[in-house]
Amino acid sequence: MKSNVLKIVLPMAVAAFGLASAGSTSNSKPVAQMGYHRINNPFQCIAVQNCDELGGFACKAPDGVTQLYSPAITCNVPLTRSTP
């Protein structure tokens, strides 16, 4: 009888431990992502440069004026970077 209990409980315990450890990990280091410039239509955008998302400065195009956006959700999410 003990053998049957171990055969049932042990795999469930291993699976529960795996799920708990996978859920507790997080990737707190932001990844550099490409910043996009909107073209007349908010659903169209072109890639300009990388934004690191580490700071509170607006990620702007090389002209220093144009705000860059994330391509997700129709180029409407403004990006930031660590340097002005």
PDB file of N, CA and C in Angstrom:
ATOM      1  N   MET A   1       0.812  -1.188   0.000  1.00  0.00           N
ATOM      2  CA  MET A   1       0.000   0.000   0.000  1.00  0.00           C
ATOM      3  C   MET A   1       0.865   1.266   0.000  1.00  0.00           C
ATOM      4  N   LYS A   2       1.971   1.255   0.741  1.00  0.00           N
ATOM      5  CA  LYS A   2       2.863   2.421   0.766  1.00  0.00           C
ATOM      6  C   LYS A   2       3.416   2.692  -0.622  1.00  0.00           C
ATOM      7  N   SER A   3       3.680   1.659  -1.378  1.00  0.00           N
ATOM      8  CA  SER A   3       4.223   1.817  -2.722  1.00  0.00           C
ATOM      9  C   SER A   3       3.250   2.569  -3.619  1.00  0.00           C
ATOM     10  N   ASN A   4       1.959   2.260  -3.502  1.00  0.00           N
ATOM     11  CA  ASN A   4       0.946   2.933  -4.323  1.00  0.00           C
ATOM     12  C   ASN A   4       0.829   4.408  -3.950  1.00  0.00           C
ATOM     13  N   VAL A   5       0.927   4.724  -2.668  1.00  0.00           N
ATOM     14  CA  VAL A   5       0.821   6.107  -2.228  1.00  0.00           C
ATOM     15  C   VAL A   5       2.000   6.915  -2.780  1.00  0.00           C
ATOM     16  N   LEU A   6       3.201   6.364  -2.719  1.00  0.00           N
ATOM     17  CA  LEU A   6       4.368   7.064  -3.257  1.00  0.00           C
ATOM     18  C   LEU A   6       4.263   7.259  -4.760  1.00  0.00           C
ATOM     19  N   LYS A   7       3.719   6.285  -5.470  1.00  0.00           N
ATOM     20  CA  LYS A   7       3.586   6.393  -6.922  1.00  0.00           C
ATOM     21  C   LYS A   7       2.607   7.492  -7.318  1.00  0.00           C
ATOM     22  N   ILE A   8       1.648   7.762  -6.444  1.00  0.00           N
ATOM     23  CA  ILE A   8       0.651   8.798  -6.751  1.00  0.00           C
ATOM     24  C   ILE A   8       1.089  10.166  -6.223  1.00  0.00           C
ATOM     25  N   VAL A   9       1.557  10.215  -4.988  1.00  0.00           N
ATOM     26  CA  VAL A   9       1.858  11.483  -4.340  1.00  0.00           C
ATOM     27  C   VAL A   9       3.159  12.103  -4.833  1.00  0.00           C
ATOM     28  N   LEU A  10       4.184  11.309  -5.052  1.00  0.00           N
ATOM     29  CA  LEU A  10       5.480  11.844  -5.446  1.00  0.00           C
ATOM     30  C   LEU A  10       5.431  12.635  -6.753  1.00  0.00           C
ATOM     31  N   PRO A  11       4.818  12.136  -7.821  1.00  0.00           N
ATOM     32  CA  PRO A  11       4.746  12.953  -9.049  1.00  0.00           C
ATOM     33  C   PRO A  11       3.967  14.258  -8.860  1.00  0.00           C
ATOM     34  N   MET A  12       2.906  14.203  -8.063  1.00  0.00           N
ATOM     35  CA  MET A  12       2.133  15.428  -7.819  1.00  0.00           C
ATOM     36  C   MET A  12       2.951  16.435  -7.012  1.00  0.00           C
ATOM     37  N   ALA A  13       3.740  15.953  -6.055  1.00  0.00           N
ATOM     38  CA  ALA A  13       4.583  16.838  -5.262  1.00  0.00           C
ATOM     39  C   ALA A  13       5.666  17.481  -6.128  1.00  0.00           C
ATOM     40  N   VAL A  14       6.257  16.705  -7.021  1.00  0.00           N
ATOM     41  CA  VAL A  14       7.283  17.238  -7.921  1.00  0.00           C
ATOM     42  C   VAL A  14       6.678  18.285  -8.861  1.00  0.00           C
ATOM     43  N   ALA A  15       5.495  18.009  -9.389  1.00  0.00           N
ATOM     44  CA  ALA A  15       4.832  18.961 -10.283  1.00  0.00           C
ATOM     45  C   ALA A  15       4.475  20.244  -9.535  1.00  0.00           C
ATOM     46  N   ALA A  16       3.989  20.127  -8.302  1.00  0.00           N
ATOM     47  CA  ALA A  16       3.643  21.304  -7.505  1.00  0.00           C
ATOM     48  C   ALA A  16       4.882  22.136  -7.202  1.00  0.00           C
ATOM     49  N   PHE A  17       5.994  21.479  -6.874  1.00  0.00           N
ATOM     50  CA  PHE A  17       7.244  22.190  -6.612  1.00  0.00           C
ATOM     51  C   PHE A  17       7.717  22.918  -7.866  1.00  0.00           C
ATOM     52  N   GLY A  18       7.626  22.263  -9.013  1.00  0.00           N
ATOM     53  CA  GLY A  18       8.041  22.882 -10.278  1.00  0.00           C
ATOM     54  C   GLY A  18       7.199  24.104 -10.624  1.00  0.00           C
ATOM     55  N   LEU A  19       5.897  23.995 -10.436  1.00  0.00           N
ATOM     56  CA  LEU A  19       5.015  25.133 -10.719  1.00  0.00           C
ATOM     57  C   LEU A  19       5.278  26.288  -9.766  1.00  0.00           C
ATOM     58  N   ALA A  20       5.496  25.976  -8.498  1.00  0.00           N
ATOM     59  CA  ALA A  20       5.758  27.028  -7.511  1.00  0.00           C
ATOM     60  C   ALA A  20       7.073  27.734  -7.806  1.00  0.00           C
ATOM     61  N   SER A  21       8.106  26.981  -8.162  1.00  0.00           N
ATOM     62  CA  SER A  21       9.387  27.615  -8.437  1.00  0.00           C
ATOM     63  C   SER A  21       9.360  28.402  -9.742  1.00  0.00           C
ATOM     64  N   ALA A  22       8.628  27.935 -10.730  1.00  0.00           N
ATOM     65  CA  ALA A  22       8.520  28.674 -11.995  1.00  0.00           C
ATOM     66  C   ALA A  22       7.737  29.965 -11.794  1.00  0.00           C
ATOM     67  N   GLY A  23       6.730  29.926 -10.953  1.00  0.00           N
ATOM     68  CA  GLY A  23       5.931  31.122 -10.694  1.00  0.00           C
ATOM     69  C   GLY A  23       6.651  32.159  -9.875  1.00  0.00           C
ATOM     70  N   SER A  24       7.633  31.733  -9.103  1.00  0.00           N
ATOM     71  CA  SER A  24       8.322  32.675  -8.231  1.00  0.00           C
ATOM     72  C   SER A  24       9.479  33.388  -8.917  1.00  0.00           C
ATOM     73  N   THR A  25       9.882  32.934 -10.082  1.00  0.00           N
ATOM     74  CA  THR A  25      10.977  33.599 -10.784  1.00  0.00           C
ATOM     75  C   THR A  25      10.436  34.788 -11.553  1.00  0.00           C
ATOM     76  N   SER A  26      11.247  35.806 -11.687  1.00  0.00           N
ATOM     77  CA  SER A  26      10.841  36.975 -12.474  1.00  0.00           C
ATOM     78  C   SER A  26      12.053  37.525 -13.184  1.00  0.00           C
ATOM     79  N   ASN A  27      11.801  38.109 -14.317  1.00  0.00           N
ATOM     80  CA  ASN A  27      12.863  38.733 -15.092  1.00  0.00           C
ATOM     81  C   ASN A  27      12.751  40.235 -14.865  1.00  0.00           C
ATOM     82  N   SER A  28      13.464  40.743 -13.861  1.00  0.00           N
ATOM     83  CA  SER A  28      13.346  42.149 -13.523  1.00  0.00           C
ATOM     84  C   SER A  28      14.237  43.039 -14.391  1.00  0.00           C
ATOM     85  N   LYS A  29      15.118  42.461 -15.172  1.00  0.00           N
ATOM     86  CA  LYS A  29      15.998  43.251 -16.030  1.00  0.00           C
ATOM     87  C   LYS A  29      15.284  43.560 -17.343  1.00  0.00           C
ATOM     88  N   PRO A  30      14.985  44.815 -17.589  1.00  0.00           N
ATOM     89  CA  PRO A  30      14.300  45.159 -18.832  1.00  0.00           C
ATOM     90  C   PRO A  30      15.197  44.916 -20.054  1.00  0.00           C
ATOM     91  N   VAL A  31      14.561  44.591 -21.117  1.00  0.00           N
ATOM     92  CA  VAL A  31      15.275  44.308 -22.363  1.00  0.00           C
ATOM     93  C   VAL A  31      15.167  45.523 -23.273  1.00  0.00           C
ATOM     94  N   ALA A  32      16.240  45.817 -23.959  1.00  0.00           N
ATOM     95  CA  ALA A  32      16.188  46.915 -24.930  1.00  0.00           C
ATOM     96  C   ALA A  32      15.227  46.529 -26.044  1.00  0.00           C
ATOM     97  N   GLN A  33      14.383  47.448 -26.396  1.00  0.00           N
ATOM     98  CA  GLN A  33      13.457  47.177 -27.485  1.00  0.00           C
ATOM     99  C   GLN A  33      13.493  48.316 -28.494  1.00  0.00           C
ATOM    100  N   MET A  34      13.134  47.987 -29.692  1.00  0.00           N
ATOM    101  CA  MET A  34      13.169  48.957 -30.775  1.00  0.00           C
ATOM    102  C   MET A  34      12.059  49.985 -30.581  1.00  0.00           C
ATOM    103  N   GLY A  35      12.418  51.262 -30.717  1.00  0.00           N
ATOM    104  CA  GLY A  35      11.439  52.335 -30.656  1.00  0.00           C
ATOM    105  C   GLY A  35      10.953  52.661 -32.060  1.00  0.00           C
ATOM    106  N   TYR A  36       9.677  52.919 -32.190  1.00  0.00           N
ATOM    107  CA  TYR A  36       9.067  53.166 -33.497  1.00  0.00           C
ATOM    108  C   TYR A  36       8.469  54.567 -33.553  1.00  0.00           C
ATOM    109  N   HIS A  37       8.533  55.174 -34.718  1.00  0.00           N
ATOM    110  CA  HIS A  37       7.967  56.499 -34.983  1.00  0.00           C
ATOM    111  C   HIS A  37       6.648  56.301 -35.718  1.00  0.00           C
ATOM    112  N   ARG A  38       5.595  56.966 -35.226  1.00  0.00           N
ATOM    113  CA  ARG A  38       4.290  56.849 -35.881  1.00  0.00           C
ATOM    114  C   ARG A  38       4.261  57.640 -37.166  1.00  0.00           C
ATOM    115  N   ILE A  39       3.626  57.072 -38.161  1.00  0.00           N
ATOM    116  CA  ILE A  39       3.438  57.742 -39.449  1.00  0.00           C
ATOM    117  C   ILE A  39       1.963  58.086 -39.564  1.00  0.00           C
ATOM    118  N   ASN A  40       1.642  59.320 -39.809  1.00  0.00           N
ATOM    119  CA  ASN A  40       0.280  59.842 -39.980  1.00  0.00           C
ATOM    120  C   ASN A  40      -0.829  58.989 -39.376  1.00  0.00           C
ATOM    121  N   ASN A  41      -0.828  57.727 -39.635  1.00  0.00           N
ATOM    122  CA  ASN A  41      -1.850  56.820 -39.138  1.00  0.00           C
ATOM    123  C   ASN A  41      -1.307  56.129 -37.887  1.00  0.00           C
ATOM    124  N   PRO A  42      -2.029  56.101 -36.755  1.00  0.00           N
ATOM    125  CA  PRO A  42      -1.504  55.464 -35.546  1.00  0.00           C
ATOM    126  C   PRO A  42      -1.289  53.961 -35.686  1.00  0.00           C
ATOM    127  N   PHE A  43      -1.778  53.367 -36.759  1.00  0.00           N
ATOM    128  CA  PHE A  43      -1.597  51.931 -36.949  1.00  0.00           C
ATOM    129  C   PHE A  43      -0.354  51.612 -37.772  1.00  0.00           C
ATOM    130  N   GLN A  44       0.373  52.626 -38.222  1.00  0.00           N
ATOM    131  CA  GLN A  44       1.581  52.416 -39.006  1.00  0.00           C
ATOM    132  C   GLN A  44       2.755  53.093 -38.318  1.00  0.00           C
ATOM    133  N   CYS A  45       3.888  52.389 -38.261  1.00  0.00           N
ATOM    134  CA  CYS A  45       5.065  52.977 -37.650  1.00  0.00           C
ATOM    135  C   CYS A  45       6.327  52.379 -38.258  1.00  0.00           C
ATOM    136  N   ILE A  46       7.434  53.109 -38.136  1.00  0.00           N
ATOM    137  CA  ILE A  46       8.711  52.625 -38.668  1.00  0.00           C
ATOM    138  C   ILE A  46       9.742  52.574 -37.541  1.00  0.00           C
ATOM    139  N   ALA A  47      10.637  51.591 -37.598  1.00  0.00           N
ATOM    140  CA  ALA A  47      11.672  51.416 -36.590  1.00  0.00           C
ATOM    141  C   ALA A  47      12.693  52.538 -36.685  1.00  0.00           C
ATOM    142  N   VAL A  48      13.139  53.054 -35.519  1.00  0.00           N
ATOM    143  CA  VAL A  48      14.108  54.135 -35.505  1.00  0.00           C
ATOM    144  C   VAL A  48      15.361  53.754 -34.720  1.00  0.00           C
ATOM    145  N   GLN A  49      15.230  53.446 -33.427  1.00  0.00           N
ATOM    146  CA  GLN A  49      16.387  53.104 -32.595  1.00  0.00           C
ATOM    147  C   GLN A  49      15.936  52.340 -31.360  1.00  0.00           C
ATOM    148  N   ASN A  50      16.910  51.758 -30.617  1.00  0.00           N
ATOM    149  CA  ASN A  50      16.602  50.994 -29.409  1.00  0.00           C
ATOM    150  C   ASN A  50      16.366  51.908 -28.213  1.00  0.00           C
ATOM    151  N   CYS A  51      15.427  51.507 -27.355  1.00  0.00           N
ATOM    152  CA  CYS A  51      15.138  52.188 -26.098  1.00  0.00           C
ATOM    153  C   CYS A  51      15.305  51.142 -24.998  1.00  0.00           C
ATOM    154  N   ASP A  52      16.004  51.490 -23.901  1.00  0.00           N
ATOM    155  CA  ASP A  52      16.302  50.475 -22.896  1.00  0.00           C
ATOM    156  C   ASP A  52      15.258  50.334 -21.789  1.00  0.00           C
ATOM    157  N   GLU A  53      14.302  51.229 -21.686  1.00  0.00           N
ATOM    158  CA  GLU A  53      13.222  51.155 -20.698  1.00  0.00           C
ATOM    159  C   GLU A  53      13.716  51.134 -19.249  1.00  0.00           C
ATOM    160  N   LEU A  54      14.917  51.651 -18.979  1.00  0.00           N
ATOM    161  CA  LEU A  54      15.460  51.624 -17.619  1.00  0.00           C
ATOM    162  C   LEU A  54      15.198  52.899 -16.828  1.00  0.00           C
ATOM    163  N   GLY A  55      14.931  53.982 -17.482  1.00  0.00           N
ATOM    164  CA  GLY A  55      14.824  55.258 -16.769  1.00  0.00           C
ATOM    165  C   GLY A  55      13.526  55.973 -17.015  1.00  0.00           C
ATOM    166  N   GLY A  56      13.510  57.226 -16.621  1.00  0.00           N
ATOM    167  CA  GLY A  56      12.305  58.020 -16.747  1.00  0.00           C
ATOM    168  C   GLY A  56      12.349  59.039 -17.866  1.00  0.00           C
ATOM    169  N   PHE A  57      13.383  58.996 -18.704  1.00  0.00           N
ATOM    170  CA  PHE A  57      13.473  59.939 -19.814  1.00  0.00           C
ATOM    171  C   PHE A  57      12.711  59.406 -21.025  1.00  0.00           C
ATOM    172  N   ALA A  58      12.044  60.292 -21.728  1.00  0.00           N
ATOM    173  CA  ALA A  58      11.330  59.885 -22.938  1.00  0.00           C
ATOM    174  C   ALA A  58      12.333  59.414 -23.985  1.00  0.00           C
ATOM    175  N   CYS A  59      12.020  58.313 -24.637  1.00  0.00           N
ATOM    176  CA  CYS A  59      12.882  57.811 -25.710  1.00  0.00           C
ATOM    177  C   CYS A  59      12.507  58.561 -26.985  1.00  0.00           C
ATOM    178  N   LYS A  60      13.431  59.371 -27.457  1.00  0.00           N
ATOM    179  CA  LYS A  60      13.164  60.211 -28.624  1.00  0.00           C
ATOM    180  C   LYS A  60      14.037  59.806 -29.796  1.00  0.00           C
ATOM    181  N   ALA A  61      13.588  60.151 -30.972  1.00  0.00           N
ATOM    182  CA  ALA A  61      14.334  59.896 -32.204  1.00  0.00           C
ATOM    183  C   ALA A  61      15.597  60.754 -32.191  1.00  0.00           C
ATOM    184  N   PRO A  62      16.551  60.477 -33.073  1.00  0.00           N
ATOM    185  CA  PRO A  62      17.789  61.263 -33.114  1.00  0.00           C
ATOM    186  C   PRO A  62      17.569  62.773 -33.283  1.00  0.00           C
ATOM    187  N   ASP A  63      16.427  63.187 -33.781  1.00  0.00           N
ATOM    188  CA  ASP A  63      16.166  64.627 -33.921  1.00  0.00           C
ATOM    189  C   ASP A  63      15.922  65.301 -32.569  1.00  0.00           C
ATOM    190  N   GLY A  64      15.721  64.511 -31.493  1.00  0.00           N
ATOM    191  CA  GLY A  64      15.521  65.036 -30.152  1.00  0.00           C
ATOM    192  C   GLY A  64      14.129  65.541 -29.865  1.00  0.00           C
ATOM    193  N   VAL A  65      13.226  65.422 -30.815  1.00  0.00           N
ATOM    194  CA  VAL A  65      11.870  65.947 -30.651  1.00  0.00           C
ATOM    195  C   VAL A  65      10.819  64.844 -30.723  1.00  0.00           C
ATOM    196  N   THR A  66      10.960  63.954 -31.672  1.00  0.00           N
ATOM    197  CA  THR A  66       9.946  62.941 -31.954  1.00  0.00           C
ATOM    198  C   THR A  66       9.952  61.819 -30.923  1.00  0.00           C
ATOM    199  N   GLN A  67       8.824  61.634 -30.213  1.00  0.00           N
ATOM    200  CA  GLN A  67       8.666  60.548 -29.241  1.00  0.00           C
ATOM    201  C   GLN A  67       8.606  59.211 -29.968  1.00  0.00           C
ATOM    202  N   LEU A  68       9.259  58.187 -29.404  1.00  0.00           N
ATOM    203  CA  LEU A  68       9.212  56.847 -29.975  1.00  0.00           C
ATOM    204  C   LEU A  68       8.257  55.975 -29.181  1.00  0.00           C
ATOM    205  N   TYR A  69       7.636  55.022 -29.859  1.00  0.00           N
ATOM    206  CA  TYR A  69       6.588  54.198 -29.273  1.00  0.00           C
ATOM    207  C   TYR A  69       6.887  52.719 -29.452  1.00  0.00           C
ATOM    208  N   SER A  70       6.234  51.908 -28.624  1.00  0.00           N
ATOM    209  CA  SER A  70       6.317  50.455 -28.742  1.00  0.00           C
ATOM    210  C   SER A  70       5.405  50.026 -29.882  1.00  0.00           C
ATOM    211  N   PRO A  71       5.817  49.034 -30.677  1.00  0.00           N
ATOM    212  CA  PRO A  71       4.969  48.607 -31.788  1.00  0.00           C
ATOM    213  C   PRO A  71       3.733  47.855 -31.315  1.00  0.00           C
ATOM    214  N   ALA A  72       3.738  47.389 -30.070  1.00  0.00           N
ATOM    215  CA  ALA A  72       2.570  46.681 -29.549  1.00  0.00           C
ATOM    216  C   ALA A  72       1.414  47.664 -29.405  1.00  0.00           C
ATOM    217  N   ILE A  73       0.240  47.192 -29.607  1.00  0.00           N
ATOM    218  CA  ILE A  73      -0.979  47.980 -29.462  1.00  0.00           C
ATOM    219  C   ILE A  73      -0.931  49.226 -30.341  1.00  0.00           C
ATOM    220  N   THR A  74      -0.704  49.037 -31.571  1.00  0.00           N
ATOM    221  CA  THR A  74      -0.780  50.080 -32.605  1.00  0.00           C
ATOM    222  C   THR A  74       0.094  51.305 -32.377  1.00  0.00           C
ATOM    223  N   CYS A  75       1.299  51.116 -31.885  1.00  0.00           N
ATOM    224  CA  CYS A  75       2.256  52.208 -31.712  1.00  0.00           C
ATOM    225  C   CYS A  75       1.717  53.336 -30.839  1.00  0.00           C
ATOM    226  N   ASN A  76       1.032  53.024 -29.753  1.00  0.00           N
ATOM    227  CA  ASN A  76       0.484  54.047 -28.876  1.00  0.00           C
ATOM    228  C   ASN A  76       1.119  54.066 -27.496  1.00  0.00           C
ATOM    229  N   VAL A  77       2.074  53.163 -27.203  1.00  0.00           N
ATOM    230  CA  VAL A  77       2.693  53.109 -25.883  1.00  0.00           C
ATOM    231  C   VAL A  77       4.045  53.799 -25.944  1.00  0.00           C
ATOM    232  N   PRO A  78       4.198  54.984 -25.304  1.00  0.00           N
ATOM    233  CA  PRO A  78       5.464  55.710 -25.347  1.00  0.00           C
ATOM    234  C   PRO A  78       6.570  54.936 -24.620  1.00  0.00           C
ATOM    235  N   LEU A  79       7.772  54.958 -25.160  1.00  0.00           N
ATOM    236  CA  LEU A  79       8.907  54.271 -24.560  1.00  0.00           C
ATOM    237  C   LEU A  79       9.764  55.246 -23.765  1.00  0.00           C
ATOM    238  N   THR A  80      10.549  54.710 -22.825  1.00  0.00           N
ATOM    239  CA  THR A  80      11.471  55.515 -22.033  1.00  0.00           C
ATOM    240  C   THR A  80      12.874  54.943 -22.162  1.00  0.00           C
ATOM    241  N   ARG A  81      13.856  55.707 -21.642  1.00  0.00           N
ATOM    242  CA  ARG A  81      15.229  55.210 -21.614  1.00  0.00           C
ATOM    243  C   ARG A  81      15.975  55.845 -20.447  1.00  0.00           C
ATOM    244  N   SER A  82      17.165  55.319 -20.175  1.00  0.00           N
ATOM    245  CA  SER A  82      17.910  55.743 -18.993  1.00  0.00           C
ATOM    246  C   SER A  82      18.695  57.040 -19.188  1.00  0.00           C
ATOM    247  N   THR A  83      18.949  57.445 -20.400  1.00  0.00           N
ATOM    248  CA  THR A  83      19.694  58.676 -20.659  1.00  0.00           C
ATOM    249  C   THR A  83      18.808  59.677 -21.395  1.00  0.00           C
ATOM    250  N   PRO A  84      19.018  60.969 -21.159  1.00  0.00           N
ATOM    251  CA  PRO A  84      18.172  61.971 -21.840  1.00  0.00           C
ATOM    252  C   PRO A  84      18.444  62.043 -23.323  1.00  0.00           C
TER     253      PRO A  84
END
